[in-house]
Amino acid sequence: MSISIENGSDQERARFNMVEQQIRPWEVLDTKVLDLLHIVKREDYVPAIYKALAFGDLEIPLGHGEKMLSPKLEARILQELAVTAHDRILEVGTGSGYLTALLASQGAHVYSVDLIEEFAKSAGAKLAHHGIRNVTLETGDAAHGWDRHGPYDVIVLTGSTPVLSEAFQQSLTAGGRLFVVVGEAPAMDARLITCAGVGAYGTASLFETCIPALRNAPQRTRFAF
């Protein structure tokens, strides 16, 4: 489904439809999450040439071969992570900066890392424009982990990974949560990993999906015979 926007009233109608027609049916019922989607304006983080598609059920191109996650997936991630005001968060893959803004609006501080410097600069400008200050943006390759600010209460990988690096689990605090999409196209598994204590982790399989992989993500070992 693609929802175009024109004037202010059309925008709010499209936002309402996005929440009611795309996000609620995807089992996102947390009122804090749904309310936040009306407060943090998605269209402000979409590339200008795609602004008319800001509320569509699609992955919007960001350039450099990368895409913005669909609205329903962004919302589901927020709901599953159950971010609190005291959480220190690691986001791997800044992208548009929209999920960064959502996480920052719920948590204490977000450390967001992207391999593409242009994304970090663009997201930084948008976040600053909207007065979101509790974010540290960094450029680097975090596909195998990013422990420099750890441990973290929440970790989210915005790209998939064929194999999850153990470094992410090891960077969680006790009670910490990690959202990750593991596997390879066409079938990938969205998982929520929780840390009960040192070396003790639980994994819940949430749903099947398929999203672009993180660049330089760990790969499965291939055996040649």
C-alpha atoms as a PDB file:
ATOM      1  CA  MET A   1       0.000   0.000   0.000  1.00  0.00           C
ATOM      2  CA  SER A   2       1.264   3.489  -0.840  1.00  0.00           C
ATOM      3  CA  ILE A   3      -0.178   6.567   0.869  1.00  0.00           C
ATOM      4  CA  SER A   4       0.660   9.965  -0.619  1.00  0.00           C
ATOM      5  CA  ILE A   5       0.588  13.229   1.331  1.00  0.00           C
ATOM      6  CA  GLU A   6      -0.085  16.805   0.286  1.00  0.00           C
ATOM      7  CA  ASN A   7      -1.200  19.425   2.841  1.00  0.00           C
ATOM      8  CA  GLY A   8      -1.176  19.282   6.632  1.00  0.00           C
ATOM      9  CA  SER A   9      -4.620  17.727   7.035  1.00  0.00           C
ATOM     10  CA  ASP A  10      -3.768  15.119   4.411  1.00  0.00           C
ATOM     11  CA  GLN A  11      -0.575  14.316   6.307  1.00  0.00           C
ATOM     12  CA  GLU A  12      -2.402  13.701   9.559  1.00  0.00           C
ATOM     13  CA  ARG A  13      -5.025  11.592   7.797  1.00  0.00           C
ATOM     14  CA  ALA A  14      -2.271   9.553   6.133  1.00  0.00           C
ATOM     15  CA  ARG A  15      -0.473   9.152   9.464  1.00  0.00           C
ATOM     16  CA  PHE A  16      -3.706   7.982  11.108  1.00  0.00           C
ATOM     17  CA  ASN A  17      -4.291   5.495   8.287  1.00  0.00           C
ATOM     18  CA  MET A  18      -0.707   4.237   8.571  1.00  0.00           C
ATOM     19  CA  VAL A  19      -1.189   3.508  12.260  1.00  0.00           C
ATOM     20  CA  GLU A  20      -4.660   1.996  11.944  1.00  0.00           C
ATOM     21  CA  GLN A  21      -4.274   0.073   8.675  1.00  0.00           C
ATOM     22  CA  GLN A  22      -0.630  -1.027   8.735  1.00  0.00           C
ATOM     23  CA  ILE A  23       0.690  -0.945  12.273  1.00  0.00           C
ATOM     24  CA  ARG A  24      -2.166  -2.065  14.509  1.00  0.00           C
ATOM     25  CA  PRO A  25      -2.894  -5.110  12.297  1.00  0.00           C
ATOM     26  CA  TRP A  26       0.765  -6.085  12.788  1.00  0.00           C
ATOM     27  CA  GLU A  27       0.069  -6.672  16.480  1.00  0.00           C
ATOM     28  CA  VAL A  28       1.433  -3.312  17.617  1.00  0.00           C
ATOM     29  CA  LEU A  29      -1.023  -2.314  20.354  1.00  0.00           C
ATOM     30  CA  ASP A  30       1.206  -0.533  22.881  1.00  0.00           C
ATOM     31  CA  THR A  31      -0.381   2.904  23.264  1.00  0.00           C
ATOM     32  CA  LYS A  32       2.963   4.530  24.116  1.00  0.00           C
ATOM     33  CA  VAL A  33       4.383   3.347  20.800  1.00  0.00           C
ATOM     34  CA  LEU A  34       1.289   4.326  18.824  1.00  0.00           C
ATOM     35  CA  ASP A  35       1.175   7.770  20.418  1.00  0.00           C
ATOM     36  CA  LEU A  36       4.877   8.302  19.688  1.00  0.00           C
ATOM     37  CA  LEU A  37       4.293   7.663  15.985  1.00  0.00           C
ATOM     38  CA  HIS A  38       1.988  10.692  15.965  1.00  0.00           C
ATOM     39  CA  ILE A  39       4.521  12.842  17.816  1.00  0.00           C
ATOM     40  CA  VAL A  40       7.769  12.025  15.975  1.00  0.00           C
ATOM     41  CA  LYS A  41       6.990  12.924  12.375  1.00  0.00           C
ATOM     42  CA  ARG A  42       8.184  10.235   9.979  1.00  0.00           C
ATOM     43  CA  GLU A  43       8.006  12.528   6.934  1.00  0.00           C
ATOM     44  CA  ASP A  44      10.705  14.759   8.467  1.00  0.00           C
ATOM     45  CA  TYR A  45      13.251  11.925   8.169  1.00  0.00           C
ATOM     46  CA  VAL A  46      12.362  10.628   4.708  1.00  0.00           C
ATOM     47  CA  PRO A  47      14.537  11.803   1.772  1.00  0.00           C
ATOM     48  CA  ALA A  48      12.865  14.833   0.168  1.00  0.00           C
ATOM     49  CA  ILE A  49      12.212  13.116  -3.161  1.00  0.00           C
ATOM     50  CA  TYR A  50      10.228  10.375  -1.397  1.00  0.00           C
ATOM     51  CA  LYS A  51       8.364  12.520   1.133  1.00  0.00           C
ATOM     52  CA  ALA A  52       5.036  11.779  -0.574  1.00  0.00           C
ATOM     53  CA  LEU A  53       5.600   8.091   0.279  1.00  0.00           C
ATOM     54  CA  ALA A  54       6.469   8.650   3.932  1.00  0.00           C
ATOM     55  CA  PHE A  55       3.473   6.679   5.205  1.00  0.00           C
ATOM     56  CA  GLY A  56       3.519   3.901   2.636  1.00  0.00           C
ATOM     57  CA  ASP A  57       3.920   0.244   3.542  1.00  0.00           C
ATOM     58  CA  LEU A  58       7.323   0.009   1.866  1.00  0.00           C
ATOM     59  CA  GLU A  59      11.071   0.363   2.326  1.00  0.00           C
ATOM     60  CA  ILE A  60      12.079   3.829   1.100  1.00  0.00           C
ATOM     61  CA  PRO A  61      15.471   4.128  -0.664  1.00  0.00           C
ATOM     62  CA  LEU A  62      18.056   6.178   1.224  1.00  0.00           C
ATOM     63  CA  GLY A  63      20.864   6.051  -1.318  1.00  0.00           C
ATOM     64  CA  HIS A  64      24.088   4.037  -1.256  1.00  0.00           C
ATOM     65  CA  GLY A  65      21.982   0.919  -1.833  1.00  0.00           C
ATOM     66  CA  GLU A  66      20.330   1.206   1.596  1.00  0.00           C
ATOM     67  CA  LYS A  67      16.650   1.423   2.526  1.00  0.00           C
ATOM     68  CA  MET A  68      14.503   2.733   5.363  1.00  0.00           C
ATOM     69  CA  LEU A  69      12.619   0.062   7.289  1.00  0.00           C
ATOM     70  CA  SER A  70       8.850  -0.080   6.745  1.00  0.00           C
ATOM     71  CA  PRO A  71       6.678   1.762   9.303  1.00  0.00           C
ATOM     72  CA  LYS A  72       5.150  -1.422  10.713  1.00  0.00           C
ATOM     73  CA  LEU A  73       8.573  -2.959  11.332  1.00  0.00           C
ATOM     74  CA  GLU A  74       9.877   0.187  13.032  1.00  0.00           C
ATOM     75  CA  ALA A  75       6.825   0.175  15.306  1.00  0.00           C
ATOM     76  CA  ARG A  76       7.090  -3.537  16.062  1.00  0.00           C
ATOM     77  CA  ILE A  77      10.762  -3.141  16.996  1.00  0.00           C
ATOM     78  CA  LEU A  78       9.866  -0.407  19.472  1.00  0.00           C
ATOM     79  CA  GLN A  79       7.133  -2.484  21.023  1.00  0.00           C
ATOM     80  CA  GLU A  80       9.285  -5.601  21.393  1.00  0.00           C
ATOM     81  CA  LEU A  81      12.191  -3.710  22.963  1.00  0.00           C
ATOM     82  CA  ALA A  82       9.951  -1.994  25.564  1.00  0.00           C
ATOM     83  CA  VAL A  83      12.395   0.899  25.963  1.00  0.00           C
ATOM     84  CA  THR A  84      12.357   2.737  29.303  1.00  0.00           C
ATOM     85  CA  ALA A  85      13.541   6.201  30.283  1.00  0.00           C
ATOM     86  CA  HIS A  86      16.715   4.805  31.885  1.00  0.00           C
ATOM     87  CA  ASP A  87      17.872   2.663  28.951  1.00  0.00           C
ATOM     88  CA  ARG A  88      21.192   3.165  27.207  1.00  0.00           C
ATOM     89  CA  ILE A  89      20.716   2.053  23.613  1.00  0.00           C
ATOM     90  CA  LEU A  90      22.966   0.903  20.774  1.00  0.00           C
ATOM     91  CA  GLU A  91      21.550   1.221  17.259  1.00  0.00           C
ATOM     92  CA  VAL A  92      23.531  -0.440  14.486  1.00  0.00           C
ATOM     93  CA  GLY A  93      22.603   1.304  11.240  1.00  0.00           C
ATOM     94  CA  THR A  94      21.495   4.926  11.640  1.00  0.00           C
ATOM     95  CA  GLY A  95      20.014   5.204   8.160  1.00  0.00           C
ATOM     96  CA  SER A  96      17.434   8.003   7.982  1.00  0.00           C
ATOM     97  CA  GLY A  97      17.639   8.718  11.700  1.00  0.00           C
ATOM     98  CA  TYR A  98      13.910   8.134  12.226  1.00  0.00           C
ATOM     99  CA  LEU A  99      14.219   5.005  14.357  1.00  0.00           C
ATOM    100  CA  THR A 100      17.039   6.806  16.179  1.00  0.00           C
ATOM    101  CA  ALA A 101      14.605   9.609  17.004  1.00  0.00           C
ATOM    102  CA  LEU A 102      11.959   7.164  18.207  1.00  0.00           C
ATOM    103  CA  LEU A 103      14.435   5.332  20.437  1.00  0.00           C
ATOM    104  CA  ALA A 104      15.811   8.600  21.820  1.00  0.00           C
ATOM    105  CA  SER A 105      12.292   9.777  22.622  1.00  0.00           C
ATOM    106  CA  GLN A 106      11.819   6.728  24.856  1.00  0.00           C
ATOM    107  CA  GLY A 107      15.297   6.061  26.276  1.00  0.00           C
ATOM    108  CA  ALA A 108      18.061   7.847  28.163  1.00  0.00           C
ATOM    109  CA  HIS A 109      20.689   7.894  25.413  1.00  0.00           C
ATOM    110  CA  VAL A 110      21.179   6.370  21.974  1.00  0.00           C
ATOM    111  CA  TYR A 111      24.564   5.492  20.505  1.00  0.00           C
ATOM    112  CA  SER A 112      23.941   5.075  16.779  1.00  0.00           C
ATOM    113  CA  VAL A 113      26.581   3.807  14.370  1.00  0.00           C
ATOM    114  CA  ASP A 114      26.522   3.751  10.574  1.00  0.00           C
ATOM    115  CA  LEU A 115      29.134   2.741   8.043  1.00  0.00           C
ATOM    116  CA  ILE A 116      28.099   5.611   5.752  1.00  0.00           C
ATOM    117  CA  GLU A 117      29.232   9.021   7.000  1.00  0.00           C
ATOM    118  CA  GLU A 118      26.616  10.840   4.907  1.00  0.00           C
ATOM    119  CA  PHE A 119      23.829   9.092   6.834  1.00  0.00           C
ATOM    120  CA  ALA A 120      25.300  10.117  10.176  1.00  0.00           C
ATOM    121  CA  LYS A 121      25.612  13.755   9.083  1.00  0.00           C
ATOM    122  CA  SER A 122      22.119  13.904   7.620  1.00  0.00           C
ATOM    123  CA  ALA A 123      20.533  12.220  10.627  1.00  0.00           C
ATOM    124  CA  GLY A 124      22.470  14.476  12.974  1.00  0.00           C
ATOM    125  CA  ALA A 125      21.112  17.587  11.288  1.00  0.00           C
ATOM    126  CA  LYS A 126      17.527  16.306  11.446  1.00  0.00           C
ATOM    127  CA  LEU A 127      17.783  15.243  15.075  1.00  0.00           C
ATOM    128  CA  ALA A 128      19.294  18.594  16.063  1.00  0.00           C
ATOM    129  CA  HIS A 129      16.549  20.456  14.169  1.00  0.00           C
ATOM    130  CA  HIS A 130      13.952  18.642  16.255  1.00  0.00           C
ATOM    131  CA  GLY A 131      15.795  19.235  19.519  1.00  0.00           C
ATOM    132  CA  ILE A 132      16.784  15.625  20.088  1.00  0.00           C
ATOM    133  CA  ARG A 133      20.077  15.860  21.995  1.00  0.00           C
ATOM    134  CA  ASN A 134      20.426  12.515  23.757  1.00  0.00           C
ATOM    135  CA  VAL A 135      22.062  10.838  20.753  1.00  0.00           C
ATOM    136  CA  THR A 136      25.699  10.139  19.904  1.00  0.00           C
ATOM    137  CA  LEU A 137      26.216   9.479  16.185  1.00  0.00           C
ATOM    138  CA  GLU A 138      29.341   7.664  15.039  1.00  0.00           C
ATOM    139  CA  THR A 139      30.680   6.414  11.734  1.00  0.00           C
ATOM    140  CA  GLY A 140      32.118   2.923  11.689  1.00  0.00           C
ATOM    141  CA  ASP A 141      31.587  -0.760  11.032  1.00  0.00           C
ATOM    142  CA  ALA A 142      29.526  -2.205  13.876  1.00  0.00           C
ATOM    143  CA  ALA A 143      28.347  -5.375  12.115  1.00  0.00           C
ATOM    144  CA  HIS A 144      30.451  -7.489  14.493  1.00  0.00           C
ATOM    145  CA  GLY A 145      29.759  -5.429  17.619  1.00  0.00           C
ATOM    146  CA  TRP A 146      30.361  -1.974  19.102  1.00  0.00           C
ATOM    147  CA  ASP A 147      31.364  -2.208  22.753  1.00  0.00           C
ATOM    148  CA  ARG A 148      33.011   1.188  23.210  1.00  0.00           C
ATOM    149  CA  HIS A 149      29.997   2.604  25.088  1.00  0.00           C
ATOM    150  CA  GLY A 150      28.721  -0.657  26.524  1.00  0.00           C
ATOM    151  CA  PRO A 151      27.222  -2.393  28.246  1.00  0.00           C
ATOM    152  CA  TYR A 152      23.828  -1.462  26.808  1.00  0.00           C
ATOM    153  CA  ASP A 153      20.302  -1.988  28.052  1.00  0.00           C
ATOM    154  CA  VAL A 154      18.954  -2.166  24.502  1.00  0.00           C
ATOM    155  CA  ILE A 155      20.590  -3.091  21.185  1.00  0.00           C
ATOM    156  CA  VAL A 156      18.886  -3.004  17.803  1.00  0.00           C
ATOM    157  CA  LEU A 157      20.342  -4.033  14.454  1.00  0.00           C
ATOM    158  CA  THR A 158      18.483  -2.301  11.614  1.00  0.00           C
ATOM    159  CA  GLY A 159      19.924  -4.660   9.013  1.00  0.00           C
ATOM    160  CA  SER A 160      19.847  -8.435   8.942  1.00  0.00           C
ATOM    161  CA  THR A 161      22.807 -10.697   9.623  1.00  0.00           C
ATOM    162  CA  PRO A 162      23.285 -14.310   8.452  1.00  0.00           C
ATOM    163  CA  VAL A 163      25.031 -15.020  11.760  1.00  0.00           C
ATOM    164  CA  LEU A 164      24.774 -12.966  14.941  1.00  0.00           C
ATOM    165  CA  SER A 165      28.100 -11.954  16.431  1.00  0.00           C
ATOM    166  CA  GLU A 166      28.343 -13.060  20.081  1.00  0.00           C
ATOM    167  CA  ALA A 167      29.762  -9.621  20.863  1.00  0.00           C
ATOM    168  CA  PHE A 168      26.256  -8.143  20.838  1.00  0.00           C
ATOM    169  CA  GLN A 169      24.925 -10.488  23.500  1.00  0.00           C
ATOM    170  CA  GLN A 170      28.035  -9.927  25.573  1.00  0.00           C
ATOM    171  CA  SER A 171      27.397  -6.162  25.416  1.00  0.00           C
ATOM    172  CA  LEU A 172      23.985  -6.456  27.108  1.00  0.00           C
ATOM    173  CA  THR A 173      23.349  -5.526  30.720  1.00  0.00           C
ATOM    174  CA  ALA A 174      21.420  -7.913  32.950  1.00  0.00           C
ATOM    175  CA  GLY A 175      17.840  -7.467  31.810  1.00  0.00           C
ATOM    176  CA  GLY A 176      19.027  -6.078  28.480  1.00  0.00           C
ATOM    177  CA  ARG A 177      17.194  -6.704  25.193  1.00  0.00           C
ATOM    178  CA  LEU A 178      18.531  -7.218  21.686  1.00  0.00           C
ATOM    179  CA  PHE A 179      16.438  -7.080  18.508  1.00  0.00           C
ATOM    180  CA  VAL A 180      17.958  -8.722  15.446  1.00  0.00           C
ATOM    181  CA  VAL A 181      16.869 -10.254  12.155  1.00  0.00           C
ATOM    182  CA  VAL A 182      18.911 -13.410  11.520  1.00  0.00           C
ATOM    183  CA  GLY A 183      19.173 -15.439   8.330  1.00  0.00           C
ATOM    184  CA  GLU A 184      19.350 -15.041   4.585  1.00  0.00           C
ATOM    185  CA  ALA A 185      16.777 -14.227   1.902  1.00  0.00           C
ATOM    186  CA  PRO A 186      14.062 -15.175   1.301  1.00  0.00           C
ATOM    187  CA  ALA A 187      13.293 -16.240   4.894  1.00  0.00           C
ATOM    188  CA  MET A 188      14.736 -14.485   7.923  1.00  0.00           C
ATOM    189  CA  ASP A 189      13.805 -14.723  11.587  1.00  0.00           C
ATOM    190  CA  ALA A 190      13.213 -11.632  13.753  1.00  0.00           C
ATOM    191  CA  ARG A 191      14.368 -12.402  17.292  1.00  0.00           C
ATOM    192  CA  LEU A 192      14.341 -10.801  20.700  1.00  0.00           C
ATOM    193  CA  ILE A 193      17.276 -11.894  22.833  1.00  0.00           C
ATOM    194  CA  THR A 194      17.236 -11.096  26.538  1.00  0.00           C
ATOM    195  CA  CYS A 195      20.063 -11.268  29.046  1.00  0.00           C
ATOM    196  CA  ALA A 196      19.211 -12.792  32.422  1.00  0.00           C
ATOM    197  CA  GLY A 197      22.773 -12.444  33.722  1.00  0.00           C
ATOM    198  CA  VAL A 198      26.373 -13.099  32.742  1.00  0.00           C
ATOM    199  CA  GLY A 199      26.341 -15.741  30.001  1.00  0.00           C
ATOM    200  CA  ALA A 200      22.599 -16.405  30.399  1.00  0.00           C
ATOM    201  CA  TYR A 201      20.444 -15.506  27.414  1.00  0.00           C
ATOM    202  CA  GLY A 202      16.946 -16.272  26.228  1.00  0.00           C
ATOM    203  CA  THR A 203      15.775 -16.085  22.620  1.00  0.00           C
ATOM    204  CA  ALA A 204      12.227 -15.551  21.377  1.00  0.00           C
ATOM    205  CA  SER A 205      11.388 -15.977  17.696  1.00  0.00           C
ATOM    206  CA  LEU A 206       8.971 -13.147  16.837  1.00  0.00           C
ATOM    207  CA  PHE A 207       8.097 -13.349  13.144  1.00  0.00           C
ATOM    208  CA  GLU A 208       9.512 -14.016   9.700  1.00  0.00           C
ATOM    209  CA  THR A 209      10.627 -11.105   7.567  1.00  0.00           C
ATOM    210  CA  CYS A 210      13.234 -10.165   4.980  1.00  0.00           C
ATOM    211  CA  ILE A 211      15.281  -6.974   5.181  1.00  0.00           C
ATOM    212  CA  PRO A 212      18.602  -5.895   3.626  1.00  0.00           C
ATOM    213  CA  ALA A 213      21.710  -7.237   5.318  1.00  0.00           C
ATOM    214  CA  LEU A 214      24.227  -5.166   7.214  1.00  0.00           C
ATOM    215  CA  ARG A 215      27.331  -4.574   5.156  1.00  0.00           C
ATOM    216  CA  ASN A 216      30.197  -6.795   6.298  1.00  0.00           C
ATOM    217  CA  ALA A 217      27.848  -8.898   8.437  1.00  0.00           C
ATOM    218  CA  PRO A 218      29.247 -12.224   9.704  1.00  0.00           C
ATOM    219  CA  GLN A 219      28.626 -15.042   7.237  1.00  0.00           C
ATOM    220  CA  ARG A 220      27.823 -18.695   7.706  1.00  0.00           C
ATOM    221  CA  THR A 221      30.732 -21.078   7.256  1.00  0.00           C
ATOM    222  CA  ARG A 222      30.543 -22.770   3.847  1.00  0.00           C
ATOM    223  CA  PHE A 223      31.977 -26.264   3.533  1.00  0.00           C
ATOM    224  CA  ALA A 224      33.402 -27.378   0.219  1.00  0.00           C
ATOM    225  CA  PHE A 225      33.509 -31.088  -0.645  1.00  0.00           C
END
